[in-house]
Protein backbone atom coordinates (compact mmCIF):
# COMPACT_ATOMS: atom_id res chain seq x y z
CA MET A 1 -11.24 26.23 57.69
CA THR A 2 -14.73 27.76 57.85
CA LYS A 3 -17.72 25.62 58.79
CA LEU A 4 -19.10 26.04 55.26
CA ILE A 5 -15.91 24.82 53.58
CA LYS A 6 -15.58 21.99 56.11
CA HIS A 7 -19.14 20.94 55.29
CA LEU A 8 -18.38 21.01 51.57
CA MET A 9 -15.23 18.92 52.05
CA ASP A 10 -17.00 16.32 54.18
CA GLY A 11 -19.99 16.11 51.84
CA GLU A 12 -20.39 13.61 49.01
CA ILE A 13 -19.43 14.72 45.51
CA GLY A 14 -22.56 15.39 43.48
CA SER A 15 -21.09 15.81 40.02
CA ARG A 16 -17.98 16.55 37.94
CA LYS A 17 -18.86 20.23 38.37
CA ASP A 18 -18.07 19.94 42.11
CA LEU A 19 -14.55 18.83 41.21
CA ILE A 20 -14.12 21.74 38.80
CA ASP A 21 -15.46 24.18 41.38
CA TYR A 22 -12.84 22.94 43.85
CA ILE A 23 -10.12 24.05 41.44
CA ARG A 24 -11.92 27.27 40.61
CA ARG A 25 -11.71 28.24 44.29
CA GLY A 26 -8.00 28.76 43.72
CA GLU A 27 -8.57 31.86 41.59
CA ARG A 28 -7.02 35.06 42.98
CA SER A 29 -6.95 38.62 41.67
CA PRO A 30 -3.42 39.64 40.55
CA GLU A 31 -3.00 42.06 43.44
CA ALA A 32 -3.44 39.10 45.83
CA TRP A 33 -0.91 36.82 44.12
CA GLY A 34 2.00 35.44 46.10
CA ILE A 35 4.89 32.99 45.93
CA GLY A 36 5.02 29.87 48.08
CA MET A 37 8.20 27.82 48.46
CA GLU A 38 8.44 24.19 49.53
CA VAL A 39 12.05 23.25 50.19
CA GLU A 40 13.28 19.70 50.82
CA LYS A 41 16.78 18.80 51.91
CA GLN A 42 18.70 15.65 52.78
CA VAL A 43 19.33 14.99 56.48
CA ILE A 44 22.68 13.27 56.98
CA ASP A 45 24.94 12.12 59.77
CA SER A 46 27.57 14.85 59.96
CA ALA A 47 30.44 12.40 60.43
CA THR A 48 29.64 9.86 57.73
CA GLY A 49 27.39 11.53 55.16
CA TYR A 50 24.92 8.66 55.34
CA SER A 51 21.20 9.27 55.77
CA ALA A 52 20.27 10.11 59.33
CA HIS A 53 18.16 7.59 61.23
CA TYR A 54 14.60 8.59 62.14
CA ASP A 55 15.38 8.45 65.88
CA SER A 56 17.88 11.31 65.48
CA ILE A 57 15.51 13.27 63.25
CA GLU A 58 12.67 12.85 65.75
CA SER A 59 14.93 14.14 68.54
CA PHE A 60 15.69 17.16 66.37
CA LEU A 61 11.96 17.80 65.80
CA LYS A 62 11.28 17.48 69.52
CA ASN A 63 13.91 20.12 70.22
CA LEU A 64 12.22 22.47 67.76
CA GLU A 65 8.85 21.72 69.33
CA LYS A 66 10.14 22.65 72.78
CA GLY A 67 10.84 26.17 71.54
CA GLY A 68 7.10 26.83 71.42
CA ALA A 69 6.86 28.20 67.88
CA TRP A 70 5.96 24.81 66.40
CA LYS A 71 3.15 22.40 67.27
CA GLY A 72 3.99 18.73 66.90
CA ILE A 73 1.93 16.33 64.77
CA ARG A 74 2.17 12.69 65.79
CA GLU A 75 1.15 9.40 64.26
CA ASP A 76 1.10 6.30 66.46
CA GLY A 77 3.22 8.22 68.95
CA HIS A 78 5.87 9.20 66.41
CA LEU A 79 6.57 12.90 65.82
CA ILE A 80 6.29 13.29 62.05
CA ALA A 81 5.64 17.01 61.44
CA LEU A 82 5.58 20.47 62.99
CA MET A 83 2.98 23.15 62.31
CA GLY A 84 3.78 26.84 62.61
CA GLU A 85 1.56 29.87 62.31
CA ASP A 86 2.01 30.19 58.51
CA SER A 87 4.28 27.28 57.62
CA SER A 88 5.07 23.66 58.37
CA ILE A 89 7.99 21.27 58.67
CA THR A 90 7.33 17.76 57.39
CA LEU A 91 9.28 14.60 56.63
CA GLU A 92 9.48 12.68 53.37
CA PRO A 93 9.60 8.85 53.31
CA GLY A 94 13.39 8.61 53.73
CA GLY A 95 13.60 11.29 56.39
CA GLN A 96 14.16 14.25 54.05
CA LEU A 97 13.15 17.48 55.79
CA GLU A 98 10.74 19.86 54.06
CA LEU A 99 9.79 23.43 54.87
CA SER A 100 6.46 24.51 53.42
CA GLY A 101 6.76 28.26 53.76
CA LYS A 102 4.02 30.84 53.89
CA VAL A 103 2.79 32.45 50.70
CA CYS A 104 4.75 35.70 50.36
CA PRO A 105 3.92 38.78 48.27
CA HIS A 106 7.60 39.30 47.35
CA ILE A 107 10.86 37.35 47.40
CA GLN A 108 12.38 39.43 50.20
CA CYS A 109 9.66 37.99 52.42
CA SER A 110 10.56 34.45 51.32
CA GLN A 111 14.23 35.14 51.98
CA LYS A 112 13.55 36.48 55.48
CA GLU A 113 11.48 33.43 56.39
CA LEU A 114 14.07 31.02 54.97
CA LYS A 115 16.88 32.71 56.89
CA LYS A 116 14.98 32.44 60.17
CA TYR A 117 14.19 28.78 59.47
CA ILE A 118 17.82 27.95 58.68
CA GLU A 119 19.02 29.56 61.89
CA GLU A 120 16.51 27.48 63.86
CA ILE A 121 17.36 24.13 62.32
CA ILE A 122 21.13 24.70 62.53
CA ILE A 123 20.96 25.48 66.25
CA GLU A 124 18.90 22.39 67.08
CA SER A 125 20.63 19.92 64.74
CA LYS A 126 24.29 20.56 65.55
CA PRO A 127 24.32 18.91 69.02
CA LEU A 128 22.71 15.83 67.46
CA GLY A 129 25.40 15.48 64.80
CA LEU A 130 23.01 16.22 61.92
CA THR A 131 23.74 18.19 58.76
CA PHE A 132 21.35 19.29 55.99
CA LEU A 133 22.35 19.11 52.33
CA GLY A 134 20.59 20.99 49.55
CA ILE A 135 21.14 18.28 46.94
CA GLY A 136 18.64 16.42 44.75
CA VAL A 137 19.61 12.82 45.58
CA GLN A 138 21.14 11.25 48.68
CA PRO A 139 24.76 10.80 47.55
CA PHE A 140 26.06 7.93 49.69
CA THR A 141 23.29 5.79 51.17
CA LYS A 142 21.75 3.06 49.03
CA MET A 143 17.97 2.93 48.83
CA GLU A 144 17.61 -0.37 50.68
CA GLU A 145 19.72 0.99 53.56
CA ILE A 146 17.35 3.91 54.19
CA CYS A 147 14.60 3.14 56.71
CA TRP A 148 11.02 4.12 55.93
CA LEU A 149 9.55 6.96 57.93
CA PRO A 150 6.88 5.58 60.33
CA LYS A 151 3.83 6.95 58.49
CA ALA A 152 0.92 4.73 57.55
CA ARG A 153 0.51 6.19 54.06
CA TYR A 154 3.95 4.87 53.06
CA ASN A 155 2.83 1.33 53.88
CA VAL A 156 0.53 1.73 50.87
CA MET A 157 2.66 3.90 48.59
CA GLY A 158 5.92 1.99 49.00
CA PRO A 159 4.76 -1.45 47.77
CA TYR A 160 2.64 0.16 45.02
CA MET A 161 5.60 2.13 43.66
CA ALA A 162 7.65 -1.04 43.53
CA ARG A 163 5.13 -2.24 40.95
CA THR A 164 4.71 0.93 38.85
CA GLY A 165 8.35 1.71 38.05
CA ASP A 166 11.89 0.66 38.85
CA MET A 167 12.76 3.91 40.65
CA GLY A 168 9.61 4.80 42.55
CA GLN A 169 11.03 3.84 45.92
CA ARG A 170 14.23 5.73 45.08
CA MET A 171 12.08 8.80 44.50
CA MET A 172 10.50 8.40 47.91
CA LYS A 173 13.60 7.60 49.96
CA GLN A 174 16.54 9.22 48.13
CA SER A 175 15.32 12.31 46.25
CA ALA A 176 14.71 15.88 47.37
CA GLY A 177 13.41 18.87 45.41
CA ILE A 178 12.09 22.40 45.52
CA GLN A 179 8.52 23.33 44.64
CA VAL A 180 7.30 26.81 43.76
CA ASN A 181 3.59 27.55 44.23
CA ILE A 182 1.97 30.32 42.19
CA ASP A 183 -1.49 31.82 41.74
CA PHE A 184 -3.76 32.30 38.76
CA SER A 185 -6.61 34.71 38.07
CA ASP A 186 -9.00 32.63 35.97
CA GLU A 187 -9.30 29.49 33.86
CA GLU A 188 -7.39 30.86 30.86
CA ASP A 189 -4.54 32.13 33.03
CA CYS A 190 -4.38 28.82 34.89
CA ILE A 191 -4.09 26.68 31.76
CA GLU A 192 -1.55 29.05 30.20
CA LYS A 193 0.67 28.81 33.29
CA LEU A 194 0.37 25.03 33.55
CA ARG A 195 1.37 24.70 29.89
CA MET A 196 4.31 27.07 30.38
CA ALA A 197 5.58 25.17 33.40
CA MET A 198 5.55 21.87 31.54
CA VAL A 199 7.16 23.20 28.35
CA ILE A 200 9.91 25.01 30.28
CA SER A 201 10.62 22.03 32.57
CA PRO A 202 13.73 20.85 30.64
CA LEU A 203 15.31 24.25 31.31
CA PHE A 204 14.40 24.04 34.99
CA TYR A 205 16.08 20.64 35.25
CA ALA A 206 19.17 21.79 33.35
CA LEU A 207 19.70 25.16 35.00
CA PHE A 208 19.13 23.82 38.51
CA ALA A 209 20.71 20.36 38.05
CA ASN A 210 22.25 19.35 41.37
CA SER A 211 22.10 15.56 41.72
CA PRO A 212 24.87 13.80 39.76
CA ILE A 213 25.74 11.24 42.47
CA MET A 214 23.76 8.21 43.62
CA ASP A 215 24.84 5.18 45.66
CA GLY A 216 28.28 6.71 46.13
CA LYS A 217 29.19 7.17 42.47
CA PRO A 218 28.36 9.35 39.43
CA SER A 219 25.04 8.28 37.94
CA GLY A 220 25.55 9.51 34.37
CA PHE A 221 23.01 12.29 34.91
CA LEU A 222 23.44 15.86 36.10
CA SER A 223 19.88 15.72 37.43
CA THR A 224 19.53 12.12 38.54
CA ARG A 225 16.35 13.24 40.24
CA GLY A 226 14.82 13.96 36.83
CA GLU A 227 15.60 10.43 35.68
CA ILE A 228 14.24 8.96 38.91
CA TRP A 229 10.91 10.75 38.52
CA SER A 230 10.56 9.57 34.92
CA ARG A 231 10.81 5.97 36.14
CA THR A 232 8.45 6.28 39.11
CA ASP A 233 4.89 5.91 37.81
CA LYS A 234 3.84 6.78 34.26
CA ASP A 235 0.21 7.27 35.37
CA ARG A 236 0.94 10.22 37.65
CA THR A 237 4.28 11.78 36.60
CA GLY A 238 5.61 13.73 33.61
CA LEU A 239 3.44 15.89 31.36
CA ILE A 240 -0.35 16.30 31.19
CA THR A 241 -0.79 16.24 27.42
CA ASN A 242 -4.56 16.86 27.31
CA LEU A 243 -3.97 20.37 28.68
CA PHE A 244 -2.52 21.25 25.26
CA ASN A 245 -5.74 20.40 23.41
CA ASP A 246 -7.80 23.23 21.95
CA GLY A 247 -10.31 24.49 24.48
CA ALA A 248 -8.54 22.93 27.47
CA GLY A 249 -9.72 24.20 30.85
CA TYR A 250 -10.26 23.20 34.46
CA GLY A 251 -12.27 20.22 33.25
CA SER A 252 -9.23 18.94 31.35
CA TYR A 253 -7.23 18.74 34.56
CA VAL A 254 -10.16 17.10 36.33
CA ASP A 255 -10.45 14.51 33.54
CA TYR A 256 -6.73 13.75 33.84
CA ALA A 257 -6.98 13.34 37.62
CA LEU A 258 -10.09 11.16 37.38
CA GLU A 259 -8.21 8.52 35.40
CA VAL A 260 -5.19 8.26 37.72
CA PRO A 261 -5.33 5.18 39.98
CA MET A 262 -5.89 5.96 43.64
CA TYR A 263 -3.59 5.11 46.51
CA PHE A 264 -6.07 5.31 49.38
CA ILE A 265 -8.86 7.15 51.13
CA MET A 266 -8.99 8.06 54.80
CA ARG A 267 -11.78 7.29 57.24
CA LYS A 268 -11.65 7.86 61.01
CA GLY A 269 -7.93 8.65 60.83
CA ALA A 270 -7.00 5.41 59.06
CA PHE A 271 -5.93 4.83 55.46
CA ILE A 272 -7.93 2.40 53.36
CA ASP A 273 -5.73 0.79 50.68
CA LEU A 274 -7.13 0.99 47.12
CA THR A 275 -4.05 -0.29 45.28
CA LYS A 276 -4.93 -3.98 45.03
CA GLU A 277 -6.29 -3.34 41.53
CA ARG A 278 -6.42 -0.37 39.16
CA PHE A 279 -9.01 1.76 40.95
CA THR A 280 -9.33 5.22 39.42
CA PHE A 281 -11.12 8.13 41.02
CA ASN A 282 -13.61 7.99 38.13
CA ARG A 283 -14.47 4.43 39.09
CA TYR A 284 -14.69 5.45 42.74
CA LEU A 285 -17.20 8.17 41.84
CA LYS A 286 -19.39 5.70 39.97
CA GLU A 287 -19.15 2.65 42.22
CA GLY A 288 -17.98 3.82 45.63
CA PHE A 289 -15.84 1.43 47.67
CA ASN A 290 -17.22 -1.07 50.18
CA GLY A 291 -20.25 1.13 50.72
CA LEU A 292 -18.23 4.36 50.98
CA LYS A 293 -18.98 7.30 48.69
CA ALA A 294 -16.50 9.83 47.33
CA THR A 295 -16.18 13.10 49.26
CA MET A 296 -14.36 16.35 48.54
CA ASP A 297 -11.82 15.35 51.20
CA ASP A 298 -11.11 12.24 49.12
CA TRP A 299 -10.67 14.42 46.03
CA SER A 300 -8.27 16.76 47.83
CA LEU A 301 -6.24 13.81 49.09
CA HIS A 302 -6.15 12.26 45.61
CA LEU A 303 -4.90 15.50 44.03
CA SER A 304 -2.01 15.49 46.51
CA THR A 305 -0.87 12.10 45.16
CA LEU A 306 -0.45 13.28 41.54
CA PHE A 307 3.13 14.16 40.60
CA PRO A 308 3.27 15.79 37.15
CA GLU A 309 5.77 18.58 36.44
CA ALA A 310 3.06 21.07 37.40
CA ARG A 311 -0.14 20.32 39.28
CA LEU A 312 -3.23 21.98 40.80
CA ARG A 313 -4.16 21.66 44.47
CA PRO A 314 -5.78 24.17 43.63
CA GLN A 315 -2.77 26.55 43.60
CA ILE A 316 -0.36 25.81 40.73
CA GLU A 317 2.66 23.88 41.99
CA ILE A 318 5.79 23.79 39.78
CA ARG A 319 7.91 20.78 40.70
CA SER A 320 10.90 20.50 38.30
CA PHE A 321 13.78 21.65 40.54
CA ASP A 322 16.44 19.65 42.36
CA SER A 323 17.06 20.57 45.97
CA LEU A 324 19.66 23.33 45.98
CA PRO A 325 22.22 25.04 48.22
CA PRO A 326 20.34 27.54 50.40
CA ARG A 327 21.73 30.60 48.58
CA TYR A 328 19.91 29.51 45.41
CA VAL A 329 16.49 28.72 46.89
CA THR A 330 15.00 32.21 46.68
CA SER A 331 16.57 32.62 43.23
CA VAL A 332 14.22 29.90 42.00
CA GLY A 333 11.23 31.79 43.42
CA ALA A 334 12.36 35.06 41.82
CA PHE A 335 12.93 33.38 38.45
CA ILE A 336 9.42 31.92 38.49
CA LYS A 337 7.82 35.18 39.68
CA GLY A 338 9.45 37.02 36.80
CA LEU A 339 8.37 34.49 34.17
CA PHE A 340 4.81 33.81 35.32
CA TYR A 341 3.51 37.05 36.86
CA ASP A 342 3.85 39.39 33.90
CA ASP A 343 1.91 39.28 30.61
CA ASP A 344 4.82 40.49 28.47
CA ALA A 345 7.13 37.90 30.00
CA LYS A 346 4.65 35.09 29.31
CA LYS A 347 4.43 36.11 25.66
CA GLU A 348 8.21 36.24 25.33
CA ILE A 349 8.63 32.84 26.99
CA THR A 350 6.01 31.30 24.73
CA GLU A 351 7.98 32.52 21.72
CA LEU A 352 11.31 31.38 23.19
CA PHE A 353 9.98 27.86 23.80
CA SER A 354 8.35 27.39 20.42
CA PRO A 355 7.46 24.94 19.03
CA ALA A 356 6.35 23.55 22.38
CA ASP A 357 6.24 19.97 21.12
CA ASP A 358 10.03 19.95 20.65
CA PHE A 359 10.64 20.84 24.29
CA MET A 360 8.11 18.23 25.44
CA ASP A 361 9.80 15.42 23.52
CA GLN A 362 10.85 12.78 26.04
CA SER A 363 14.26 12.19 24.46
CA PHE A 364 15.08 15.89 24.74
CA ARG A 365 13.83 16.02 28.30
CA ARG A 366 16.18 13.15 29.13
CA CYS A 367 19.04 15.04 27.47
CA SER A 368 18.36 17.95 29.81
CA TRP A 369 18.86 15.62 32.80
CA GLN A 370 22.03 14.12 31.32
CA GLN A 371 23.74 17.11 29.70
CA GLY A 372 22.32 20.07 31.58
CA LEU A 373 22.95 23.41 29.89
CA LYS A 374 24.93 21.70 27.12
CA ALA A 375 21.79 20.00 25.77
CA SER A 376 20.76 21.52 22.46
CA ILE A 377 17.51 21.96 20.56
CA GLY A 378 16.76 23.75 17.30
CA GLY A 379 20.39 24.78 16.91
CA ARG A 380 20.59 26.40 20.37
CA THR A 381 21.90 25.11 23.68
CA LEU A 382 19.91 25.29 26.89
CA ARG A 383 22.64 27.60 28.14
CA GLU A 384 21.70 30.15 25.47
CA ILE A 385 18.01 29.67 26.14
CA ALA A 386 18.63 30.04 29.89
CA LEU A 387 20.34 33.40 29.39
CA ASP A 388 17.39 34.63 27.34
CA ALA A 389 14.89 33.37 29.93
CA ILE A 390 16.80 35.01 32.79
CA SER A 391 16.81 38.32 30.88
CA ILE A 392 13.04 38.01 30.37
CA SER A 393 12.55 37.33 34.08
CA ARG A 394 14.82 40.24 35.05
CA ARG A 395 12.91 42.72 32.88
CA SER A 396 9.63 41.42 34.27
CA LEU A 397 10.75 41.75 37.90
CA LYS A 398 11.89 45.30 37.14
CA ARG A 399 8.43 46.15 35.79
CA GLN A 400 6.80 44.50 38.78
CA SER A 401 8.94 46.50 41.21
CA GLU A 402 8.01 49.73 39.44
CA ASN A 403 4.35 48.87 39.93
CA ASN A 404 4.87 47.79 43.55
CA LYS A 405 3.98 50.42 46.15
CA LYS A 406 7.13 49.54 48.10
CA GLY A 407 9.32 49.66 45.01
CA LEU A 408 11.06 46.41 46.00
CA ASP A 409 13.80 45.30 43.62
CA GLU A 410 13.85 41.52 43.25
CA THR A 411 16.17 41.39 40.23
CA PHE A 412 19.32 40.80 42.30
CA PHE A 413 17.99 37.36 43.27
CA LEU A 414 18.73 36.31 39.68
CA ASP A 415 22.43 37.20 39.83
CA ASN A 416 23.71 33.84 41.02
CA ILE A 417 21.72 31.76 38.55
CA GLU A 418 22.83 34.09 35.75
CA GLU A 419 26.41 33.24 36.78
CA ILE A 420 25.58 29.55 36.28
CA ALA A 421 24.10 30.21 32.85
CA GLU A 422 27.01 32.44 31.80
CA SER A 423 29.54 29.78 32.73
CA GLY A 424 27.53 26.87 31.33
CA GLN A 425 28.64 24.87 34.38
CA THR A 426 25.79 23.59 36.51
CA LEU A 427 25.97 22.94 40.23
CA ALA A 428 26.10 19.26 39.31
CA ASP A 429 29.22 19.88 37.20
CA THR A 430 30.81 21.51 40.26
CA ILE A 431 30.06 18.41 42.35
CA LEU A 432 31.55 16.09 39.74
CA ALA A 433 34.70 18.19 39.51
CA GLY A 434 35.17 17.87 43.28
CA TRP A 435 34.25 14.19 43.51
CA LYS A 436 37.69 12.82 44.36
CA GLY A 437 39.65 11.41 47.26
CA SER A 438 38.24 9.54 50.25
CA GLN A 439 34.61 9.58 51.33
CA GLU A 440 35.65 12.03 54.01
CA ASP A 441 37.03 14.33 51.30
CA LYS A 442 33.86 13.97 49.24
CA LEU A 443 31.65 14.68 52.22
CA LYS A 444 33.60 17.83 53.08
CA MET A 445 33.25 18.98 49.48
CA LEU A 446 29.49 18.40 49.55
CA ILE A 447 29.04 20.26 52.83
CA ASP A 448 31.03 23.17 51.41
CA HIS A 449 28.97 23.02 48.22
CA CYS A 450 25.43 22.66 49.52
CA GLY A 451 25.41 22.37 53.30
CA TYR A 452 22.97 24.45 55.34
CA ARG A 453 24.90 26.89 57.49
CA LYS A 454 24.13 29.90 59.60
CA GLN A 455 23.42 32.84 57.32
């Protein structure tokens, strides 16, 4: 971080324009666009399938740290994250492991990085009896049996989420997802992409549904994770409807974020709890808190605690995907790159998902979590819509490869998700079909289905 940017972040916020300018700093010219992948997975005890205890996970992180490629981050003596040159490994509240990969110019780069990462974690986890599952919800361990990760921020978030929805703590401790980060060129492009991501989100949930089991039994949803998020906190999850108003721009996102209640601010390395009453960032700007004034660091931290289907930080983050078996991870990135990084593709997708209001209807969104590709809208199933969307993405990636100096073909990354769409059977359907026998049988099936293994 340059001294100038550090000064701006530490400084007090002068006006709403400062908040808009923070988002505007995310603009990139198309030739500089990339794809960033954030990949969570469940960490389980290899013998039982239950969530691994933090002590074992910390030992695993320490082994990675000893290799020299990762620098440990500690809180109160506990190892909670690892920082690499271009990426990081962090832990979610229930011990889920997340890779935040570097921003890559093409999917082959993302695939290479993921492969290297998988090889590393497999080598260091096996002696400790740990296994990683690419699945959207912890299948066996009940929420109350999962210990909280020793991070101070969860001492604030956990109790607050118990008040804002009946599944907020499940989201924190049991769920795992994939996030794809994309760039935008200007305000119009940014708003168009945010709208697209929200309208398409039912397809993302359906096509990549991979969480039909919770607390050791079928939940009634193919993407239980989708249902969990909808019952987490209505203030900060779901859709940002004001972005669909005429003339919406960066200020519309700022206005949305200003009215979301805050969790905390940080001063001198300690979190200050703001959840005792409804304390929005807008109120914080006007009144301050116990003599403290809002800074750009506070704004950045606040933006990281908003969880809509797509958000700005200031890169666009698309968040509607269950955690998946490793062979599907880069397919998600390729699918998004094809849909969002080509003008013709964006026009075709807008037509395919019209009228947008129908796809944003909450009852239909819930159907996408329950029924997957069998959910229907306007006389068509999501399976049919998925096939059309994959074709649009494939044509787009072909055009992008023709314009790429290296001539890289990324279309083959779509092959395995096209197989899902062709069959109409989601990964969640596959899990349910194999959910039989003893827990040992079920665990073996899950490891075969979505376990991380050497590539």
